Amino acid sequence: MEASSKDFSYEIHTMGCKANLTDSQDLESQLLSMGGVESSVDPDVYILNTCTVTDQADKEAVKLLKKAKHKLVIATGCMAQVSPDVLSKTERENFVILRNSAKSEISEVISGWLKKQSQEGVVHGDRLGWHQSVRASNSYLQEGKTKRTRAFYKVQDGCNAFCSYCVIPLARGRSRSLSEQKILEGIQQLERDGVKEVVLTAIHAADYLDGNTDFIALAKSILKNTSTIRVRLTSLDPSEITKDLIFFMKENPRLCPHFHLSIQSANDKVLKDMGRNYSAKDIENTFEDIMTIIPHAYLGMDLIAGFPTEKKEDHLDTLERLKKLPFTKAHVFPYSVRRNTAAERLIQSGNIVAQHEIASRAKELRELGKKKMQIALESKIGSVQEILVEEKKIAVGSRTCSFGHARNFHKVVIPGDHPAGELKRIKVVGILKDDYLKGELF
């Protein structure tokens, strides 16, 4: 049977960051309003929301598109914005590249395809309008949509920082913020809709500004104007985390004690070359403040191994400094050159780290991260945690167990099949593989 405006199925594959997840929610909202039905079994339409932070992400996107055998394939997201020429080499019929500036036009593309019009090429969209707006996702509010336990709500998009390694300002455009009133209305609706936790996502949260309301003031306003929903913050830079924020988090249980810091390096020279606006000492102070004030907090971070000007001694300085600091998890990215960035020009001028050396440095950082995670997990044994049960189930031996995240973001498995969306008070009794904690109802 041919698909019609009231009968077509779709699948959305999201790569990359939490901001991309919110964009996918918005895409899904548009498809649902057209009468689309989500399906993972031979769907008519396949949508790939790409990431372009690393070379590996680009390669994975091309690989996924080549494998897609759907009737209509749409590539969008940051790689579609920055490198549509690369994606265009994926030769197939009914293949459309929607740049980030054209995501709002997905319904027009699908409507044309439903009318049996061939859909091919790159759609650029309203690039000026894109630079001036932030789209809020409403997919959780669609009637008949399965309720989820956690929502991602994008409050800010774009970036003006232009760090030397990063292509995201080109992929996401200038910084712009959603109004505080719009955000409050959206999150209050999520709370009424039964969502138990909202993650505030942004490309550069420190840029959030609506009148006199900055990102931290926004988080406080959300807590003041809601009653039950848990609030989790997006990634922040060390310079953006103040003692005031940490103490506020300690005193407000609904503000989840979970930090993710985009530090990238802990060496002053490399940080300067990257264009970061903080020092290694700032990183030390922030880490120590967080874990002193909230010892049970989850502290994750992003690191780049092998930046073009990073010498062996710079890497060792980062490694030794991090060994002395308390943290929970390290996300390590081997450096890969991004087109049209300042770091690309550094490479062209002769600054380069050999690939085998990048891999070696990344391995050392990851090994340190594993040791720190084990220490963090062991420190949680005997503690009492509140977890939000999610739809995912975990098999432990022959038993089916439920899974959830604690407020501090640790993954916890508990015995039994519990409904998604329930908050459970548990005691941590052990550690399972893959960084899971084992809990019992308390």
Protein backbone atom coordinates (compact mmCIF):
# COMPACT_ATOMS: atom_id res chain seq x y z
CA MET A 1 0.00 0.00 0.00
CA GLU A 2 1.34 3.41 -0.93
CA ALA A 3 2.02 5.83 1.94
CA SER A 4 -0.39 8.75 2.28
CA SER A 5 -0.53 11.84 4.47
CA LYS A 6 -2.41 9.74 7.01
CA ASP A 7 -0.36 6.60 6.55
CA PHE A 8 3.41 6.77 6.47
CA SER A 9 5.96 5.40 8.90
CA TYR A 10 9.24 6.92 9.93
CA GLU A 11 12.39 6.28 11.91
CA ILE A 12 14.65 9.01 13.34
CA HIS A 13 18.28 8.17 14.13
CA THR A 14 19.93 10.81 16.31
CA MET A 15 23.70 11.21 16.54
CA GLY A 16 25.68 13.44 18.87
CA CYS A 17 24.62 15.74 21.67
CA LYS A 18 21.49 16.28 23.75
CA ALA A 19 20.69 19.39 21.72
CA ASN A 20 20.36 17.09 18.73
CA LEU A 21 17.91 14.98 20.73
CA THR A 22 15.71 18.01 21.24
CA ASP A 23 15.93 18.81 17.53
CA SER A 24 14.82 15.26 16.77
CA GLN A 25 11.88 15.73 19.13
CA ASP A 26 10.90 18.80 17.10
CA LEU A 27 11.23 16.87 13.84
CA GLU A 28 9.08 14.12 15.31
CA SER A 29 6.47 16.65 16.37
CA GLN A 30 6.18 17.81 12.76
CA LEU A 31 5.85 14.23 11.50
CA LEU A 32 3.22 13.33 14.09
CA SER A 33 1.17 16.37 13.12
CA MET A 34 1.15 15.01 9.54
CA GLY A 35 -0.18 11.64 10.69
CA GLY A 36 3.16 9.85 10.61
CA VAL A 37 3.70 6.72 12.70
CA GLU A 38 7.01 5.86 14.33
CA SER A 39 8.27 2.41 13.37
CA SER A 40 11.58 0.56 13.53
CA VAL A 41 10.31 -2.16 11.17
CA ASP A 42 10.86 -1.23 7.54
CA PRO A 43 9.71 2.42 7.85
CA ASP A 44 8.97 4.48 4.75
CA VAL A 45 11.06 7.47 5.81
CA TYR A 46 14.50 7.39 7.41
CA ILE A 47 15.81 10.59 9.02
CA LEU A 48 19.43 10.85 10.14
CA ASN A 49 20.12 13.79 12.45
CA THR A 50 23.88 14.05 12.05
CA CYS A 51 26.74 15.22 14.24
CA THR A 52 30.01 16.67 12.96
CA VAL A 53 32.06 17.20 16.14
CA THR A 54 34.60 14.58 15.05
CA ASP A 55 35.83 12.96 11.86
CA GLN A 56 34.51 9.65 13.19
CA ALA A 57 31.00 11.12 13.45
CA ASP A 58 31.18 12.19 9.79
CA LYS A 59 32.29 8.71 8.70
CA GLU A 60 29.53 7.05 10.72
CA ALA A 61 26.90 9.32 9.15
CA VAL A 62 28.03 8.45 5.62
CA LYS A 63 28.06 4.75 6.53
CA LEU A 64 24.51 4.87 7.90
CA LEU A 65 23.21 6.70 4.83
CA LYS A 66 24.77 4.20 2.46
CA LYS A 67 23.05 1.37 4.32
CA ALA A 68 19.62 3.02 4.28
CA LYS A 69 17.19 1.29 1.89
CA HIS A 70 14.10 3.34 2.73
CA LYS A 71 11.71 4.96 0.25
CA LEU A 72 12.75 8.44 1.38
CA VAL A 73 16.01 9.27 3.17
CA ILE A 74 16.62 12.65 4.81
CA ALA A 75 19.95 13.79 6.28
CA THR A 76 19.88 16.81 8.56
CA GLY A 77 21.84 18.13 11.53
CA CYS A 78 25.29 19.62 11.90
CA MET A 79 27.09 17.66 9.18
CA ALA A 80 24.28 18.55 6.79
CA GLN A 81 24.88 22.21 7.66
CA VAL A 82 28.67 22.19 7.41
CA SER A 83 29.43 19.51 4.80
CA PRO A 84 26.42 19.00 2.51
CA ASP A 85 28.90 18.44 -0.32
CA VAL A 86 30.25 15.33 1.41
CA LEU A 87 26.78 13.95 2.09
CA SER A 88 25.75 14.66 -1.52
CA LYS A 89 28.17 11.94 -2.64
CA THR A 90 25.72 9.38 -1.25
CA GLU A 91 24.12 8.61 -4.59
CA ARG A 92 20.52 7.36 -4.39
CA GLU A 93 16.99 8.39 -5.37
CA ASN A 94 14.75 10.35 -3.00
CA PHE A 95 17.63 11.54 -0.85
CA VAL A 96 17.33 15.02 0.65
CA ILE A 97 19.84 17.02 2.70
CA LEU A 98 18.13 19.44 5.08
CA ARG A 99 20.61 21.90 6.51
CA ASN A 100 20.03 22.92 10.13
CA SER A 101 18.60 26.16 8.76
CA ALA A 102 15.94 24.11 6.93
CA LYS A 103 14.79 21.64 9.58
CA SER A 104 11.43 23.39 9.79
CA GLU A 105 10.81 22.41 6.14
CA ILE A 106 10.78 18.66 6.70
CA SER A 107 6.99 18.51 6.41
CA GLU A 108 7.14 20.15 2.96
CA VAL A 109 9.72 17.60 1.79
CA ILE A 110 7.66 14.66 3.01
CA SER A 111 4.43 16.14 1.62
CA GLY A 112 6.06 16.44 -1.79
CA TRP A 113 7.25 12.85 -1.62
CA LEU A 114 3.77 11.66 -0.59
CA LYS A 115 2.46 13.35 -3.75
CA LYS A 116 4.95 11.22 -5.69
CA GLN A 117 7.22 14.19 -6.45
CA SER A 118 10.91 13.28 -6.58
CA GLN A 119 12.76 14.73 -3.59
CA GLU A 120 16.48 15.30 -4.06
CA GLY A 121 19.22 17.83 -3.35
CA VAL A 122 20.09 20.28 -0.59
CA VAL A 123 17.46 22.43 1.12
CA HIS A 124 19.01 25.58 2.60
CA GLY A 125 15.98 27.09 4.34
CA ASP A 126 15.60 30.57 5.78
CA ARG A 127 19.18 31.10 6.92
CA LEU A 128 18.56 34.62 8.27
CA GLY A 129 15.50 33.52 10.23
CA TRP A 130 17.38 30.49 11.55
CA HIS A 131 20.02 32.76 13.10
CA GLN A 132 17.30 34.60 15.01
CA SER A 133 15.18 31.78 16.40
CA VAL A 134 15.23 28.75 18.70
CA ARG A 135 12.65 26.05 18.08
CA ALA A 136 11.15 24.43 21.19
CA SER A 137 10.16 20.79 21.01
CA ASN A 138 6.53 19.90 21.66
CA SER A 139 6.71 16.20 20.79
CA TYR A 140 6.00 15.16 24.36
CA LEU A 141 2.71 17.04 24.23
CA GLN A 142 1.30 15.20 21.23
CA GLU A 143 -1.92 13.40 22.04
CA GLY A 144 -1.38 9.65 21.92
CA LYS A 145 2.40 9.92 22.13
CA THR A 146 3.91 7.47 24.59
CA LYS A 147 4.80 9.29 27.78
CA ARG A 148 8.50 9.28 28.53
CA THR A 149 10.18 9.67 31.90
CA ARG A 150 12.79 12.23 30.84
CA ALA A 151 12.43 15.16 28.46
CA PHE A 152 15.17 17.18 26.80
CA TYR A 153 14.27 20.86 26.49
CA LYS A 154 16.51 23.15 24.44
CA VAL A 155 16.74 26.65 25.90
CA GLN A 156 19.58 28.06 23.78
CA ASP A 157 21.15 27.35 20.38
CA GLY A 158 24.25 28.50 18.54
CA CYS A 159 27.61 29.70 19.80
CA ASN A 160 29.70 32.86 19.48
CA ALA A 161 32.85 31.46 21.11
CA PHE A 162 34.70 30.08 18.04
CA CYS A 163 37.11 27.88 20.03
CA SER A 164 39.94 27.01 17.67
CA TYR A 165 39.13 23.27 17.39
CA CYS A 166 35.36 23.59 17.06
CA VAL A 167 33.11 23.77 14.01
CA ILE A 168 29.86 24.10 15.97
CA PRO A 169 29.46 27.90 15.50
CA LEU A 170 29.38 27.19 11.75
CA ALA A 171 27.00 24.26 12.22
CA ARG A 172 24.63 25.94 14.69
CA GLY A 173 24.86 29.62 13.89
CA ARG A 174 24.94 32.59 16.24
CA SER A 175 23.88 32.29 19.86
CA ARG A 176 20.18 32.87 20.54
CA SER A 177 17.92 32.07 23.50
CA LEU A 178 14.35 30.95 24.00
CA SER A 179 12.34 33.29 26.22
CA GLU A 180 12.03 32.46 29.91
CA GLN A 181 8.23 32.61 29.65
CA LYS A 182 8.17 30.14 26.74
CA ILE A 183 10.44 27.76 28.65
CA LEU A 184 8.35 27.95 31.83
CA GLU A 185 5.16 27.27 29.89
CA GLY A 186 6.75 24.29 28.14
CA ILE A 187 8.20 22.71 31.26
CA GLN A 188 5.01 23.28 33.27
CA GLN A 189 3.17 21.41 30.51
CA LEU A 190 5.72 18.60 30.63
CA GLU A 191 5.12 18.33 34.38
CA ARG A 192 1.35 18.17 33.86
CA ASP A 193 1.94 15.56 31.16
CA GLY A 194 3.64 13.27 33.68
CA VAL A 195 7.28 13.77 32.74
CA LYS A 196 9.39 13.34 35.88
CA GLU A 197 12.67 14.93 34.75
CA VAL A 198 13.70 17.62 32.29
CA VAL A 199 17.23 18.12 30.99
CA LEU A 200 17.96 21.72 30.01
CA THR A 201 20.00 21.46 26.84
CA ALA A 202 21.97 24.16 25.06
CA ILE A 203 24.90 24.54 22.71
CA HIS A 204 26.53 27.14 24.96
CA ALA A 205 24.50 27.48 28.14
CA ALA A 206 26.56 30.40 29.43
CA ASP A 207 25.26 32.45 26.49
CA TYR A 208 21.65 32.04 27.62
CA LEU A 209 20.11 35.45 28.26
CA ASP A 210 16.54 36.69 28.30
CA GLY A 211 16.43 40.20 29.73
CA ASN A 212 18.21 39.90 33.07
CA THR A 213 17.75 36.12 33.25
CA ASP A 214 20.92 34.11 32.67
CA PHE A 215 21.16 30.29 32.60
CA ILE A 216 21.48 29.82 36.36
CA ALA A 217 18.66 32.28 37.04
CA LEU A 218 16.59 30.33 34.52
CA ALA A 219 17.17 27.06 36.40
CA LYS A 220 16.13 28.74 39.66
CA SER A 221 13.02 30.17 37.99
CA ILE A 222 12.02 26.72 36.69
CA LEU A 223 12.29 25.24 40.17
CA LYS A 224 10.27 28.11 41.63
CA ASN A 225 7.51 27.72 39.06
CA THR A 226 7.20 23.92 39.12
CA SER A 227 6.54 21.53 41.98
CA THR A 228 7.69 17.97 41.25
CA ILE A 229 9.80 17.70 38.10
CA ARG A 230 13.53 17.05 38.50
CA VAL A 231 15.82 19.46 36.63
CA ARG A 232 19.17 18.44 35.16
CA LEU A 233 21.67 20.92 33.69
CA THR A 234 23.50 20.69 30.40
CA SER A 235 27.28 20.94 29.91
CA LEU A 236 29.03 23.98 31.36
CA ASP A 237 32.56 25.38 31.32
CA PRO A 238 34.53 25.53 34.61
CA SER A 239 34.34 29.33 34.61
CA GLU A 240 30.52 29.11 34.51
CA ILE A 241 30.13 27.06 37.72
CA THR A 242 30.08 29.28 40.79
CA LYS A 243 29.92 28.38 44.47
CA ASP A 244 26.50 30.02 44.51
CA LEU A 245 25.27 27.46 41.96
CA ILE A 246 26.84 24.55 43.84
CA PHE A 247 25.31 25.58 47.18
CA PHE A 248 21.95 26.21 45.49
CA MET A 249 22.08 22.69 44.04
CA LYS A 250 22.94 21.23 47.45
CA GLU A 251 19.94 22.96 49.02
CA ASN A 252 17.45 22.03 46.27
CA PRO A 253 16.95 18.27 45.84
CA ARG A 254 15.05 18.71 42.56
CA LEU A 255 18.16 20.24 40.93
CA CYS A 256 20.07 17.07 40.14
CA PRO A 257 23.66 16.98 41.51
CA HIS A 258 25.13 16.22 38.11
CA PHE A 259 27.80 18.31 36.39
CA HIS A 260 29.31 17.84 32.96
CA LEU A 261 32.23 20.15 32.23
CA SER A 262 33.67 20.79 28.78
CA ILE A 263 37.26 21.25 29.94
CA GLN A 264 39.05 19.72 26.86
CA SER A 265 42.50 20.02 28.51
CA ALA A 266 44.06 20.80 31.89
CA ASN A 267 47.21 22.43 30.51
CA ASP A 268 47.40 26.24 30.37
CA LYS A 269 49.24 26.49 27.05
CA VAL A 270 46.87 24.12 25.28
CA LEU A 271 43.82 25.82 26.78
CA LYS A 272 45.08 29.16 25.46
CA ASP A 273 45.69 27.71 21.99
CA MET A 274 42.20 26.21 22.04
CA GLY A 275 40.72 29.62 22.81
CA ARG A 276 39.24 28.56 26.15
CA ASN A 277 38.57 31.29 28.71
CA TYR A 278 39.78 29.55 31.89
CA SER A 279 43.01 28.13 33.32
CA ALA A 280 44.11 24.79 34.72
CA LYS A 281 43.85 26.34 38.18
CA ASP A 282 40.23 27.28 37.48
CA ILE A 283 39.56 23.63 36.65
CA GLU A 284 41.18 22.49 39.89
CA ASN A 285 39.18 24.97 41.96
CA THR A 286 35.89 24.07 40.30
CA PHE A 287 36.36 20.31 40.69
CA GLU A 288 37.36 20.66 44.33
CA ASP A 289 34.48 23.05 45.11
CA ILE A 290 31.92 20.69 43.59
CA MET A 291 33.14 17.55 45.34
CA THR A 292 33.71 19.30 48.66
CA ILE A 293 30.26 20.90 48.79
CA ILE A 294 28.37 17.94 47.21
CA PRO A 295 30.54 14.81 47.74
CA HIS A 296 27.92 12.53 46.14
CA ALA A 297 27.73 14.61 42.93
CA TYR A 298 28.42 13.11 39.52
CA LEU A 299 31.20 15.04 37.78
CA GLY A 300 31.82 14.22 34.15
CA MET A 301 33.96 16.03 31.61
CA ASP A 302 35.01 16.18 27.96
CA LEU A 303 38.67 15.93 26.99
CA ILE A 304 40.47 16.25 23.65
CA ALA A 305 43.63 14.20 23.18
CA GLY A 306 46.27 15.34 20.72
CA PHE A 307 45.31 18.94 19.93
CA PRO A 308 47.77 20.16 17.22
CA THR A 309 49.95 22.23 19.60
CA GLU A 310 49.82 19.73 22.48
CA LYS A 311 53.32 18.48 23.23
CA LYS A 312 54.01 15.29 25.13
CA GLU A 313 54.79 17.27 28.28
CA ASP A 314 51.49 19.18 27.92
CA HIS A 315 49.59 15.90 27.79
CA LEU A 316 51.46 14.59 30.84
CA ASP A 317 50.67 17.82 32.68
CA THR A 318 46.95 17.29 32.00
CA LEU A 319 47.19 13.63 33.00
CA GLU A 320 49.02 14.26 36.28
CA ARG A 321 46.76 17.16 37.22
CA LEU A 322 43.62 15.08 36.64
CA LYS A 323 45.02 12.18 38.68
CA LYS A 324 44.96 14.46 41.73
CA LEU A 325 41.42 15.72 41.16
CA PRO A 326 38.09 14.12 42.12
CA PHE A 327 35.80 13.32 39.19
CA THR A 328 33.46 10.59 38.00
CA LYS A 329 33.75 10.13 34.24
CA ALA A 330 35.89 11.31 31.35
CA HIS A 331 34.60 11.42 27.76
CA VAL A 332 37.79 11.37 25.68
CA PHE A 333 37.82 12.48 22.04
CA PRO A 334 40.93 11.93 19.88
CA TYR A 335 41.49 15.23 18.07
CA SER A 336 40.32 15.30 14.47
CA VAL A 337 40.66 18.33 12.24
CA ARG A 338 37.48 20.23 11.37
CA ARG A 339 37.29 22.27 8.19
CA ASN A 340 37.39 26.07 8.41
CA THR A 341 38.57 26.19 12.02
CA ALA A 342 41.60 27.97 13.46
CA ALA A 343 43.09 24.61 14.44
CA GLU A 344 43.04 23.55 10.79
CA ARG A 345 45.27 26.54 10.07
CA LEU A 346 47.57 25.46 12.92
CA ILE A 347 48.02 22.12 11.19
CA GLN A 348 48.66 23.81 7.85
CA SER A 349 51.43 25.81 9.52
CA GLY A 350 53.15 22.64 10.73
CA ASN A 351 51.63 21.94 14.15
CA ILE A 352 50.53 18.32 14.21
CA VAL A 353 50.45 15.29 16.50
CA ALA A 354 50.94 11.89 14.89
CA GLN A 355 47.87 9.64 14.83
CA HIS A 356 49.53 6.88 16.85
CA GLU A 357 50.48 9.44 19.49
CA ILE A 358 46.91 10.82 19.61
CA ALA A 359 45.62 7.27 20.11
CA SER A 360 48.17 6.63 22.87
CA ARG A 361 47.25 9.81 24.75
CA ALA A 362 43.54 9.08 24.43
CA LYS A 363 44.10 5.59 25.83
CA GLU A 364 45.94 6.97 28.87
CA LEU A 365 43.16 9.45 29.58
CA ARG A 366 40.50 6.75 29.20
CA GLU A 367 42.34 4.41 31.56
CA LEU A 368 42.48 7.17 34.16
CA GLY A 369 38.76 7.77 33.62
CA LYS A 370 37.99 4.09 34.27
CA LYS A 371 39.91 4.18 37.55
CA LYS A 372 38.10 7.31 38.68
CA MET A 373 34.71 5.78 37.77
CA GLN A 374 35.50 2.67 39.81
CA ILE A 375 36.38 4.84 42.82
CA ALA A 376 33.14 6.77 42.40
CA LEU A 377 31.05 3.59 42.14
CA GLU A 378 32.65 2.04 45.21
CA SER A 379 31.98 5.20 47.21
CA LYS A 380 28.24 4.83 46.53
CA ILE A 381 27.88 1.37 48.11
CA GLY A 382 25.68 1.65 51.19
CA SER A 383 24.20 4.98 50.11
CA VAL A 384 20.48 5.61 49.70
CA GLN A 385 19.45 7.02 46.32
CA GLU A 386 16.27 8.08 44.53
CA ILE A 387 16.08 6.62 41.05
CA LEU A 388 13.71 7.37 38.21
CA VAL A 389 12.65 4.06 36.63
CA GLU A 390 12.91 4.06 32.84
CA GLU A 391 11.42 1.84 30.14
CA LYS A 392 14.66 -0.05 29.60
CA LYS A 393 14.93 -3.45 31.34
CA ILE A 394 18.18 -5.20 32.27
CA ALA A 395 18.78 -8.96 32.43
CA VAL A 396 20.86 -9.99 35.45
CA GLY A 397 21.41 -13.71 35.14
CA SER A 398 17.94 -15.20 34.65
CA ARG A 399 16.17 -12.26 36.30
CA THR A 400 14.56 -9.28 34.62
CA CYS A 401 15.44 -6.10 36.45
CA SER A 402 14.44 -2.49 36.11
CA PHE A 403 16.82 0.32 35.27
CA GLY A 404 16.97 3.97 36.18
CA HIS A 405 19.19 6.96 36.83
CA ALA A 406 19.82 8.30 40.31
CA ARG A 407 19.52 12.03 40.78
CA ASN A 408 23.30 12.23 40.50
CA PHE A 409 23.09 10.37 37.15
CA HIS A 410 24.60 7.04 38.24
CA LYS A 411 22.97 4.09 36.48
CA VAL A 412 21.16 1.78 38.91
CA VAL A 413 19.60 -1.66 38.43
CA ILE A 414 16.94 -2.93 40.86
CA PRO A 415 15.16 -6.33 41.02
CA GLY A 416 11.69 -6.64 39.51
CA ASP A 417 9.70 -5.21 36.64
CA HIS A 418 8.69 -1.72 37.78
CA PRO A 419 6.64 0.74 35.69
CA ALA A 420 8.55 3.47 33.89
CA GLY A 421 8.13 6.88 35.46
CA GLU A 422 8.09 5.74 39.08
CA LEU A 423 10.51 7.23 41.58
CA LYS A 424 12.04 4.54 43.80
CA ARG A 425 14.04 4.94 46.99
CA ILE A 426 16.84 2.37 46.92
CA LYS A 427 19.97 1.35 48.76
CA VAL A 428 23.10 0.65 46.73
CA VAL A 429 24.40 -2.84 47.56
CA GLY A 430 26.98 -3.49 44.85
CA ILE A 431 28.45 -2.85 41.41
CA LEU A 432 27.55 -4.57 38.15
CA LYS A 433 29.43 -4.44 34.85
CA ASP A 434 29.32 -1.44 32.51
CA ASP A 435 29.30 1.08 35.37
CA TYR A 436 25.92 0.01 36.75
CA LEU A 437 25.18 0.11 40.46
CA LYS A 438 23.09 -2.68 42.00
CA GLY A 439 20.27 -1.45 44.21
CA GLU A 440 17.57 -2.86 46.47
CA LEU A 441 14.29 -1.20 47.38
CA PHE A 442 14.73 0.68 50.64
